[in-house]
PDB file of N, CA and C in Angstrom:
ATOM      1  N   UNK A   1     -91.539-103.849 127.461  1.00  0.00           N
ATOM      2  CA  UNK A   1     -90.444-104.549 128.092  1.00  0.00           C
ATOM      3  C   UNK A   1     -89.414-103.512 128.538  1.00  0.00           C
ATOM      4  N   UNK A   2     -88.934-103.608 129.778  1.00  0.00           N
ATOM      5  CA  UNK A   2     -87.958-102.633 130.260  1.00  0.00           C
ATOM      6  C   UNK A   2     -86.617-102.784 129.563  1.00  0.00           C
ATOM      7  N   UNK A   3     -85.949-101.653 129.434  1.00  0.00           N
ATOM      8  CA  UNK A   3     -84.616-101.666 128.843  1.00  0.00           C
ATOM      9  C   UNK A   3     -83.593-101.934 129.927  1.00  0.00           C
ATOM     10  N   UNK A   4     -82.707-102.821 129.682  1.00  0.00           N
ATOM     11  CA  UNK A   4     -81.647-103.122 130.623  1.00  0.00           C
ATOM     12  C   UNK A   4     -80.323-102.773 129.960  1.00  0.00           C
ATOM     13  N   UNK A   5     -79.674-101.713 130.443  1.00  0.00           N
ATOM     14  CA  UNK A   5     -78.398-101.344 129.832  1.00  0.00           C
ATOM     15  C   UNK A   5     -77.322-102.365 130.136  1.00  0.00           C
ATOM     16  N   UNK A   6     -76.577-102.707 129.134  1.00  0.00           N
ATOM     17  CA  UNK A   6     -75.510-103.681 129.302  1.00  0.00           C
ATOM     18  C   UNK A   6     -74.177-103.005 129.569  1.00  0.00           C
ATOM     19  N   UNK A   7     -74.002-101.827 129.014  1.00  0.00           N
ATOM     20  CA  UNK A   7     -72.750-101.104 129.198  1.00  0.00           C
ATOM     21  C   UNK A   7     -73.045 -99.688 129.656  1.00  0.00           C
ATOM     22  N   UNK A   8     -72.011 -98.984 130.090  1.00  0.00           N
ATOM     23  CA  UNK A   8     -72.171 -97.589 130.502  1.00  0.00           C
ATOM     24  C   UNK A   8     -72.595 -96.722 129.323  1.00  0.00           C
ATOM     25  N   UNK A   9     -72.108 -97.036 128.137  1.00  0.00           N
ATOM     26  CA  UNK A   9     -72.483 -96.278 126.940  1.00  0.00           C
ATOM     27  C   UNK A   9     -73.974 -96.435 126.654  1.00  0.00           C
ATOM     28  N   UNK A  10     -74.497 -97.641 126.796  1.00  0.00           N
ATOM     29  CA  UNK A  10     -75.929 -97.856 126.580  1.00  0.00           C
ATOM     30  C   UNK A  10     -76.745 -97.127 127.642  1.00  0.00           C
ATOM     31  N   UNK A  11     -76.281 -97.128 128.879  1.00  0.00           N
ATOM     32  CA  UNK A  11     -76.974 -96.413 129.948  1.00  0.00           C
ATOM     33  C   UNK A  11     -77.039 -94.921 129.622  1.00  0.00           C
ATOM     34  N   UNK A  12     -75.930 -94.379 129.154  1.00  0.00           N
ATOM     35  CA  UNK A  12     -75.878 -92.962 128.795  1.00  0.00           C
ATOM     36  C   UNK A  12     -76.827 -92.655 127.634  1.00  0.00           C
ATOM     37  N   UNK A  13     -76.858 -93.530 126.631  1.00  0.00           N
ATOM     38  CA  UNK A  13     -77.750 -93.343 125.487  1.00  0.00           C
ATOM     39  C   UNK A  13     -79.215 -93.384 125.925  1.00  0.00           C
ATOM     40  N   UNK A  14     -79.560 -94.302 126.818  1.00  0.00           N
ATOM     41  CA  UNK A  14     -80.939 -94.405 127.303  1.00  0.00           C
ATOM     42  C   UNK A  14     -81.347 -93.151 128.065  1.00  0.00           C
ATOM     43  N   UNK A  15     -80.447 -92.630 128.913  1.00  0.00           N
ATOM     44  CA  UNK A  15     -80.770 -91.421 129.674  1.00  0.00           C
ATOM     45  C   UNK A  15     -80.930 -90.226 128.753  1.00  0.00           C
ATOM     46  N   UNK A  16     -80.080 -90.134 127.739  1.00  0.00           N
ATOM     47  CA  UNK A  16     -80.188 -89.032 126.792  1.00  0.00           C
ATOM     48  C   UNK A  16     -81.488 -89.122 126.007  1.00  0.00           C
ATOM     49  N   UNK A  17     -81.867 -90.312 125.588  1.00  0.00           N
ATOM     50  CA  UNK A  17     -83.133 -90.509 124.879  1.00  0.00           C
ATOM     51  C   UNK A  17     -84.308 -90.134 125.773  1.00  0.00           C
ATOM     52  N   UNK A  18     -84.263 -90.540 127.034  1.00  0.00           N
ATOM     53  CA  UNK A  18     -85.327 -90.193 127.978  1.00  0.00           C
ATOM     54  C   UNK A  18     -85.409 -88.687 128.183  1.00  0.00           C
ATOM     55  N   UNK A  19     -84.255 -88.009 128.224  1.00  0.00           N
ATOM     56  CA  UNK A  19     -84.257 -86.557 128.388  1.00  0.00           C
ATOM     57  C   UNK A  19     -84.880 -85.872 127.180  1.00  0.00           C
ATOM     58  N   UNK A  20     -84.556 -86.335 125.985  1.00  0.00           N
ATOM     59  CA  UNK A  20     -85.141 -85.746 124.777  1.00  0.00           C
ATOM     60  C   UNK A  20     -86.650 -85.930 124.762  1.00  0.00           C
ATOM     61  N   UNK A  21     -87.120 -87.108 125.153  1.00  0.00           N
ATOM     62  CA  UNK A  21     -88.558 -87.370 125.211  1.00  0.00           C
ATOM     63  C   UNK A  21     -89.208 -86.489 126.272  1.00  0.00           C
ATOM     64  N   UNK A  22     -88.536 -86.290 127.403  1.00  0.00           N
ATOM     65  CA  UNK A  22     -89.041 -85.426 128.460  1.00  0.00           C
ATOM     66  C   UNK A  22     -89.192 -83.985 127.959  1.00  0.00           C
ATOM     67  N   UNK A  23     -88.179 -83.488 127.233  1.00  0.00           N
ATOM     68  CA  UNK A  23     -88.239 -82.124 126.697  1.00  0.00           C
ATOM     69  C   UNK A  23     -89.414 -81.991 125.733  1.00  0.00           C
ATOM     70  N   UNK A  24     -89.618 -82.982 124.858  1.00  0.00           N
ATOM     71  CA  UNK A  24     -90.759 -82.952 123.934  1.00  0.00           C
ATOM     72  C   UNK A  24     -92.078 -82.866 124.715  1.00  0.00           C
ATOM     73  N   UNK A  25     -92.199 -83.669 125.764  1.00  0.00           N
ATOM     74  CA  UNK A  25     -93.417 -83.658 126.571  1.00  0.00           C
ATOM     75  C   UNK A  25     -93.637 -82.326 127.264  1.00  0.00           C
ATOM     76  N   UNK A  26     -92.573 -81.737 127.781  1.00  0.00           N
ATOM     77  CA  UNK A  26     -92.689 -80.440 128.441  1.00  0.00           C
ATOM     78  C   UNK A  26     -93.047 -79.340 127.435  1.00  0.00           C
ATOM     79  N   UNK A  27     -92.508 -79.450 126.230  1.00  0.00           N
ATOM     80  CA  UNK A  27     -92.854 -78.467 125.195  1.00  0.00           C
ATOM     81  C   UNK A  27     -94.340 -78.546 124.882  1.00  0.00           C
ATOM     82  N   UNK A  28     -94.878 -79.754 124.767  1.00  0.00           N
ATOM     83  CA  UNK A  28     -96.314 -79.921 124.491  1.00  0.00           C
ATOM     84  C   UNK A  28     -97.151 -79.404 125.652  1.00  0.00           C
ATOM     85  N   UNK A  29     -96.756 -79.754 126.875  1.00  0.00           N
ATOM     86  CA  UNK A  29     -97.519 -79.362 128.057  1.00  0.00           C
ATOM     87  C   UNK A  29     -97.541 -77.842 128.243  1.00  0.00           C
ATOM     88  N   UNK A  30     -96.450 -77.178 127.887  1.00  0.00           N
ATOM     89  CA  UNK A  30     -96.345 -75.730 128.059  1.00  0.00           C
ATOM     90  C   UNK A  30     -96.649 -74.952 126.783  1.00  0.00           C
ATOM     91  N   UNK A  31     -97.087 -75.656 125.738  1.00  0.00           N
ATOM     92  CA  UNK A  31     -97.433 -75.037 124.450  1.00  0.00           C
ATOM     93  C   UNK A  31     -96.279 -74.201 123.904  1.00  0.00           C
ATOM     94  N   UNK A  32     -95.095 -74.804 123.885  1.00  0.00           N
ATOM     95  CA  UNK A  32     -93.911 -74.148 123.351  1.00  0.00           C
ATOM     96  C   UNK A  32     -93.466 -74.839 122.075  1.00  0.00           C
ATOM     97  N   UNK A  33     -92.765 -74.083 121.245  1.00  0.00           N
ATOM     98  CA  UNK A  33     -92.246 -74.601 119.989  1.00  0.00           C
ATOM     99  C   UNK A  33     -90.724 -74.598 120.037  1.00  0.00           C
ATOM    100  N   UNK A  34     -90.118 -75.209 119.032  1.00  0.00           N
ATOM    101  CA  UNK A  34     -88.658 -75.249 118.974  1.00  0.00           C
ATOM    102  C   UNK A  34     -88.069 -73.845 118.916  1.00  0.00           C
ATOM    103  N   UNK A  35     -88.754 -72.931 118.252  1.00  0.00           N
ATOM    104  CA  UNK A  35     -88.226 -71.559 118.171  1.00  0.00           C
ATOM    105  C   UNK A  35     -88.221 -70.897 119.545  1.00  0.00           C
ATOM    106  N   UNK A  36     -89.196 -71.228 120.404  1.00  0.00           N
ATOM    107  CA  UNK A  36     -89.217 -70.688 121.761  1.00  0.00           C
ATOM    108  C   UNK A  36     -88.046 -71.220 122.578  1.00  0.00           C
ATOM    109  N   UNK A  37     -87.788 -72.511 122.445  1.00  0.00           N
ATOM    110  CA  UNK A  37     -86.654 -73.126 123.138  1.00  0.00           C
ATOM    111  C   UNK A  37     -85.350 -72.534 122.616  1.00  0.00           C
ATOM    112  N   UNK A  38     -85.263 -72.319 121.316  1.00  0.00           N
ATOM    113  CA  UNK A  38     -84.059 -71.749 120.703  1.00  0.00           C
ATOM    114  C   UNK A  38     -83.792 -70.349 121.250  1.00  0.00           C
ATOM    115  N   UNK A  39     -84.833 -69.536 121.401  1.00  0.00           N
ATOM    116  CA  UNK A  39     -84.661 -68.186 121.938  1.00  0.00           C
ATOM    117  C   UNK A  39     -84.146 -68.223 123.371  1.00  0.00           C
ATOM    118  N   UNK A  40     -84.658 -69.144 124.169  1.00  0.00           N
ATOM    119  CA  UNK A  40     -84.236 -69.250 125.564  1.00  0.00           C
ATOM    120  C   UNK A  40     -82.793 -69.740 125.663  1.00  0.00           C
ATOM    121  N   UNK A  41     -82.431 -70.714 124.841  1.00  0.00           N
ATOM    122  CA  UNK A  41     -81.078 -71.279 124.888  1.00  0.00           C
ATOM    123  C   UNK A  41     -80.054 -70.434 124.132  1.00  0.00           C
ATOM    124  N   UNK A  42     -80.520 -69.525 123.287  1.00  0.00           N
ATOM    125  CA  UNK A  42     -79.605 -68.689 122.523  1.00  0.00           C
ATOM    126  C   UNK A  42     -78.973 -69.411 121.348  1.00  0.00           C
ATOM    127  N   UNK A  43     -79.706 -70.357 120.768  1.00  0.00           N
ATOM    128  CA  UNK A  43     -79.235 -71.073 119.588  1.00  0.00           C
ATOM    129  C   UNK A  43     -80.301 -70.958 118.502  1.00  0.00           C
ATOM    130  N   UNK A  44     -80.009 -71.483 117.339  1.00  0.00           N
ATOM    131  CA  UNK A  44     -80.982 -71.418 116.251  1.00  0.00           C
ATOM    132  C   UNK A  44     -82.024 -72.525 116.390  1.00  0.00           C
ATOM    133  N   UNK A  45     -83.137 -72.360 115.716  1.00  0.00           N
ATOM    134  CA  UNK A  45     -84.198 -73.363 115.737  1.00  0.00           C
ATOM    135  C   UNK A  45     -83.705 -74.661 115.107  1.00  0.00           C
ATOM    136  N   UNK A  46     -82.876 -74.553 114.097  1.00  0.00           N
ATOM    137  CA  UNK A  46     -82.323 -75.742 113.437  1.00  0.00           C
ATOM    138  C   UNK A  46     -81.468 -76.535 114.421  1.00  0.00           C
ATOM    139  N   UNK A  47     -80.683 -75.832 115.239  1.00  0.00           N
ATOM    140  CA  UNK A  47     -79.833 -76.496 116.232  1.00  0.00           C
ATOM    141  C   UNK A  47     -80.689 -77.221 117.276  1.00  0.00           C
ATOM    142  N   UNK A  48     -81.794 -76.604 117.708  1.00  0.00           N
ATOM    143  CA  UNK A  48     -82.696 -77.258 118.663  1.00  0.00           C
ATOM    144  C   UNK A  48     -83.269 -78.522 118.037  1.00  0.00           C
ATOM    145  N   UNK A  49     -83.621 -78.446 116.767  1.00  0.00           N
ATOM    146  CA  UNK A  49     -84.140 -79.615 116.068  1.00  0.00           C
ATOM    147  C   UNK A  49     -83.107 -80.736 116.057  1.00  0.00           C
ATOM    148  N   UNK A  50     -81.847 -80.382 115.800  1.00  0.00           N
ATOM    149  CA  UNK A  50     -80.774 -81.379 115.799  1.00  0.00           C
ATOM    150  C   UNK A  50     -80.554 -81.958 117.188  1.00  0.00           C
ATOM    151  N   UNK A  51     -80.659 -81.122 118.215  1.00  0.00           N
ATOM    152  CA  UNK A  51     -80.444 -81.572 119.586  1.00  0.00           C
ATOM    153  C   UNK A  51     -81.528 -82.545 120.030  1.00  0.00           C
ATOM    154  N   UNK A  52     -82.770 -82.320 119.587  1.00  0.00           N
ATOM    155  CA  UNK A  52     -83.891 -83.148 120.013  1.00  0.00           C
ATOM    156  C   UNK A  52     -84.142 -84.349 119.113  1.00  0.00           C
ATOM    157  N   UNK A  53     -83.405 -84.430 118.014  1.00  0.00           N
ATOM    158  CA  UNK A  53     -83.600 -85.535 117.083  1.00  0.00           C
ATOM    159  C   UNK A  53     -83.188 -86.859 117.723  1.00  0.00           C
ATOM    160  N   UNK A  54     -84.041 -87.844 117.582  1.00  0.00           N
ATOM    161  CA  UNK A  54     -83.749 -89.182 118.093  1.00  0.00           C
ATOM    162  C   UNK A  54     -83.106 -89.961 116.954  1.00  0.00           C
ATOM    163  N   UNK A  55     -81.857 -90.395 117.141  1.00  0.00           N
ATOM    164  CA  UNK A  55     -81.164 -91.078 116.046  1.00  0.00           C
ATOM    165  C   UNK A  55     -81.789 -92.424 115.727  1.00  0.00           C
ATOM    166  N   UNK A  56     -81.772 -92.757 114.451  1.00  0.00           N
ATOM    167  CA  UNK A  56     -82.274 -94.045 113.989  1.00  0.00           C
ATOM    168  C   UNK A  56     -81.129 -95.048 114.079  1.00  0.00           C
ATOM    169  N   UNK A  57     -81.317 -96.082 114.864  1.00  0.00           N
ATOM    170  CA  UNK A  57     -80.258 -97.082 115.061  1.00  0.00           C
ATOM    171  C   UNK A  57     -79.850 -97.751 113.751  1.00  0.00           C
ATOM    172  N   UNK A  58     -80.788 -97.885 112.823  1.00  0.00           N
ATOM    173  CA  UNK A  58     -80.507 -98.564 111.565  1.00  0.00           C
ATOM    174  C   UNK A  58     -79.667 -97.711 110.626  1.00  0.00           C
ATOM    175  N   UNK A  59     -79.746 -96.399 110.797  1.00  0.00           N
ATOM    176  CA  UNK A  59     -79.071 -95.501 109.866  1.00  0.00           C
ATOM    177  C   UNK A  59     -77.920 -94.747 110.517  1.00  0.00           C
ATOM    178  N   UNK A  60     -77.133 -95.416 111.335  1.00  0.00           N
ATOM    179  CA  UNK A  60     -75.977 -94.765 111.936  1.00  0.00           C
ATOM    180  C   UNK A  60     -74.965 -94.424 110.845  1.00  0.00           C
ATOM    181  N   UNK A  61     -74.376 -93.270 110.981  1.00  0.00           N
ATOM    182  CA  UNK A  61     -73.388 -92.864 109.985  1.00  0.00           C
ATOM    183  C   UNK A  61     -72.085 -93.639 110.186  1.00  0.00           C
ATOM    184  N   UNK A  62     -71.336 -93.745 109.142  1.00  0.00           N
ATOM    185  CA  UNK A  62     -70.057 -94.446 109.193  1.00  0.00           C
ATOM    186  C   UNK A  62     -69.125 -93.764 110.186  1.00  0.00           C
ATOM    187  N   UNK A  63     -69.194 -92.433 110.245  1.00  0.00           N
ATOM    188  CA  UNK A  63     -68.311 -91.686 111.123  1.00  0.00           C
ATOM    189  C   UNK A  63     -68.560 -92.052 112.582  1.00  0.00           C
ATOM    190  N   UNK A  64     -69.820 -92.138 112.990  1.00  0.00           N
ATOM    191  CA  UNK A  64     -70.150 -92.507 114.365  1.00  0.00           C
ATOM    192  C   UNK A  64     -69.717 -93.930 114.653  1.00  0.00           C
ATOM    193  N   UNK A  65     -69.919 -94.827 113.701  1.00  0.00           N
ATOM    194  CA  UNK A  65     -69.551 -96.225 113.913  1.00  0.00           C
ATOM    195  C   UNK A  65     -68.048 -96.389 114.072  1.00  0.00           C
ATOM    196  N   UNK A  66     -67.276 -95.641 113.300  1.00  0.00           N
ATOM    197  CA  UNK A  66     -65.830 -95.760 113.373  1.00  0.00           C
ATOM    198  C   UNK A  66     -65.301 -95.202 114.678  1.00  0.00           C
ATOM    199  N   UNK A  67     -65.780 -94.011 115.052  1.00  0.00           N
ATOM    200  CA  UNK A  67     -65.271 -93.377 116.254  1.00  0.00           C
ATOM    201  C   UNK A  67     -65.872 -93.993 117.514  1.00  0.00           C
ATOM    202  N   UNK A  68     -67.097 -94.476 117.402  1.00  0.00           N
ATOM    203  CA  UNK A  68     -67.760 -95.045 118.564  1.00  0.00           C
ATOM    204  C   UNK A  68     -68.201 -93.999 119.563  1.00  0.00           C
ATOM    205  N   UNK A  69     -68.284 -92.744 119.123  1.00  0.00           N
ATOM    206  CA  UNK A  69     -68.611 -91.637 120.022  1.00  0.00           C
ATOM    207  C   UNK A  69     -69.903 -90.985 119.559  1.00  0.00           C
ATOM    208  N   UNK A  70     -70.809 -90.813 120.497  1.00  0.00           N
ATOM    209  CA  UNK A  70     -72.055 -90.115 120.222  1.00  0.00           C
ATOM    210  C   UNK A  70     -72.139 -88.967 121.214  1.00  0.00           C
ATOM    211  N   UNK A  71     -71.707 -87.750 120.834  1.00  0.00           N
ATOM    212  CA  UNK A  71     -71.618 -86.654 121.793  1.00  0.00           C
ATOM    213  C   UNK A  71     -72.986 -86.210 122.298  1.00  0.00           C
ATOM    214  N   UNK A  72     -73.019 -85.786 123.545  1.00  0.00           N
ATOM    215  CA  UNK A  72     -74.231 -85.284 124.173  1.00  0.00           C
ATOM    216  C   UNK A  72     -74.501 -83.878 123.633  1.00  0.00           C
ATOM    217  N   UNK A  73     -75.682 -83.636 123.032  1.00  0.00           N
ATOM    218  CA  UNK A  73     -75.937 -82.329 122.443  1.00  0.00           C
ATOM    219  C   UNK A  73     -76.262 -81.246 123.463  1.00  0.00           C
ATOM    220  N   UNK A  74     -76.563 -81.599 124.703  1.00  0.00           N
ATOM    221  CA  UNK A  74     -76.954 -80.629 125.719  1.00  0.00           C
ATOM    222  C   UNK A  74     -75.812 -80.368 126.685  1.00  0.00           C
ATOM    223  N   UNK A  75     -75.548 -79.076 126.940  1.00  0.00           N
ATOM    224  CA  UNK A  75     -74.576 -78.728 127.964  1.00  0.00           C
ATOM    225  C   UNK A  75     -75.295 -78.673 129.302  1.00  0.00           C
ATOM    226  N   UNK A  76     -74.534 -78.669 130.369  1.00  0.00           N
ATOM    227  CA  UNK A  76     -75.111 -78.596 131.703  1.00  0.00           C
ATOM    228  C   UNK A  76     -75.920 -77.304 131.867  1.00  0.00           C
ATOM    229  N   UNK A  77     -75.394 -76.210 131.350  1.00  0.00           N
ATOM    230  CA  UNK A  77     -76.095 -74.930 131.429  1.00  0.00           C
ATOM    231  C   UNK A  77     -77.428 -74.956 130.697  1.00  0.00           C
ATOM    232  N   UNK A  78     -77.473 -75.632 129.565  1.00  0.00           N
ATOM    233  CA  UNK A  78     -78.718 -75.723 128.805  1.00  0.00           C
ATOM    234  C   UNK A  78     -79.750 -76.561 129.546  1.00  0.00           C
ATOM    235  N   UNK A  79     -79.314 -77.627 130.211  1.00  0.00           N
ATOM    236  CA  UNK A  79     -80.240 -78.453 130.985  1.00  0.00           C
ATOM    237  C   UNK A  79     -80.813 -77.640 132.140  1.00  0.00           C
ATOM    238  N   UNK A  80     -79.966 -76.866 132.820  1.00  0.00           N
ATOM    239  CA  UNK A  80     -80.438 -76.018 133.924  1.00  0.00           C
ATOM    240  C   UNK A  80     -81.410 -74.972 133.412  1.00  0.00           C
ATOM    241  N   UNK A  81     -81.112 -74.361 132.280  1.00  0.00           N
ATOM    242  CA  UNK A  81     -82.004 -73.366 131.687  1.00  0.00           C
ATOM    243  C   UNK A  81     -83.358 -73.971 131.342  1.00  0.00           C
ATOM    244  N   UNK A  82     -83.356 -75.177 130.776  1.00  0.00           N
ATOM    245  CA  UNK A  82     -84.617 -75.849 130.455  1.00  0.00           C
ATOM    246  C   UNK A  82     -85.404 -76.182 131.718  1.00  0.00           C
ATOM    247  N   UNK A  83     -84.712 -76.588 132.767  1.00  0.00           N
ATOM    248  CA  UNK A  83     -85.389 -76.872 134.036  1.00  0.00           C
ATOM    249  C   UNK A  83     -86.074 -75.616 134.579  1.00  0.00           C
ATOM    250  N   UNK A  84     -85.390 -74.483 134.493  1.00  0.00           N
ATOM    251  CA  UNK A  84     -85.974 -73.223 134.951  1.00  0.00           C
ATOM    252  C   UNK A  84     -87.147 -72.811 134.075  1.00  0.00           C
ATOM    253  N   UNK A  85     -87.020 -73.000 132.781  1.00  0.00           N
ATOM    254  CA  UNK A  85     -88.086 -72.647 131.852  1.00  0.00           C
ATOM    255  C   UNK A  85     -89.351 -73.457 132.119  1.00  0.00           C
ATOM    256  N   UNK A  86     -89.187 -74.753 132.366  1.00  0.00           N
ATOM    257  CA  UNK A  86     -90.336 -75.625 132.564  1.00  0.00           C
ATOM    258  C   UNK A  86     -90.807 -75.664 134.019  1.00  0.00           C
ATOM    259  N   UNK A  87     -90.111 -74.993 134.935  1.00  0.00           N
ATOM    260  CA  UNK A  87     -90.516 -74.963 136.332  1.00  0.00           C
ATOM    261  C   UNK A  87     -90.431 -76.322 137.008  1.00  0.00           C
ATOM    262  N   UNK A  88     -89.288 -76.963 136.878  1.00  0.00           N
ATOM    263  CA  UNK A  88     -89.086 -78.316 137.405  1.00  0.00           C
ATOM    264  C   UNK A  88     -88.815 -78.251 138.904  1.00  0.00           C
ATOM    265  N   UNK A  89     -89.391 -79.199 139.654  1.00  0.00           N
ATOM    266  CA  UNK A  89     -89.140 -79.247 141.098  1.00  0.00           C
ATOM    267  C   UNK A  89     -87.709 -79.749 141.361  1.00  0.00           C
ATOM    268  N   UNK A  90     -87.176 -79.484 142.562  1.00  0.00           N
ATOM    269  CA  UNK A  90     -85.765 -79.829 142.850  1.00  0.00           C
ATOM    270  C   UNK A  90     -85.428 -81.312 142.696  1.00  0.00           C
ATOM    271  N   UNK A  91     -86.343 -82.196 143.033  1.00  0.00           N
ATOM    272  CA  UNK A  91     -86.053 -83.626 142.910  1.00  0.00           C
ATOM    273  C   UNK A  91     -85.880 -84.037 141.448  1.00  0.00           C
ATOM    274  N   UNK A  92     -86.785 -83.559 140.600  1.00  0.00           N
ATOM    275  CA  UNK A  92     -86.678 -83.905 139.185  1.00  0.00           C
ATOM    276  C   UNK A  92     -85.454 -83.241 138.557  1.00  0.00           C
ATOM    277  N   UNK A  93     -85.143 -82.027 138.991  1.00  0.00           N
ATOM    278  CA  UNK A  93     -83.962 -81.344 138.477  1.00  0.00           C
ATOM    279  C   UNK A  93     -82.705 -82.151 138.799  1.00  0.00           C
ATOM    280  N   UNK A  94     -82.623 -82.664 140.014  1.00  0.00           N
ATOM    281  CA  UNK A  94     -81.460 -83.462 140.408  1.00  0.00           C
ATOM    282  C   UNK A  94     -81.360 -84.710 139.530  1.00  0.00           C
ATOM    283  N   UNK A  95     -82.492 -85.343 139.258  1.00  0.00           N
ATOM    284  CA  UNK A  95     -82.493 -86.539 138.407  1.00  0.00           C
ATOM    285  C   UNK A  95     -82.033 -86.200 136.996  1.00  0.00           C
ATOM    286  N   UNK A  96     -82.495 -85.064 136.472  1.00  0.00           N
ATOM    287  CA  UNK A  96     -82.136 -84.679 135.105  1.00  0.00           C
ATOM    288  C   UNK A  96     -80.662 -84.276 134.995  1.00  0.00           C
ATOM    289  N   UNK A  97     -80.105 -83.726 136.054  1.00  0.00           N
ATOM    290  CA  UNK A  97     -78.720 -83.273 136.005  1.00  0.00           C
ATOM    291  C   UNK A  97     -77.715 -84.405 136.173  1.00  0.00           C
ATOM    292  N   UNK A  98     -78.199 -85.612 136.443  1.00  0.00           N
ATOM    293  CA  UNK A  98     -77.290 -86.746 136.597  1.00  0.00           C
ATOM    294  C   UNK A  98     -77.222 -87.573 135.313  1.00  0.00           C
ATOM    295  N   UNK A  99     -77.291 -86.908 134.176  1.00  0.00           N
ATOM    296  CA  UNK A  99     -77.171 -87.617 132.902  1.00  0.00           C
ATOM    297  C   UNK A  99     -75.794 -88.156 132.800  1.00  0.00           C
TER     298      UNK A  99
END
């Protein structure tokens, strides 16, 4: 069943989830590991793991619920770097940069 975002926040969450799934797929297709991505992005492997983690809706922390903010773990520069690493065509790059 297709997801229909009701609010802008839900739309943003869906796009971020889709981006994380896309990165996982590209890592598998290119035979890369989290440590390889960490070296390219200049962060630790643990940080890459945290960035790619898909949050469990049932186990939201109290802090997130109170603030209502779920920060985007990827910077624009990191998305561009990943696009270059995976050899993304210009059309897909444009789609990914409109998170």
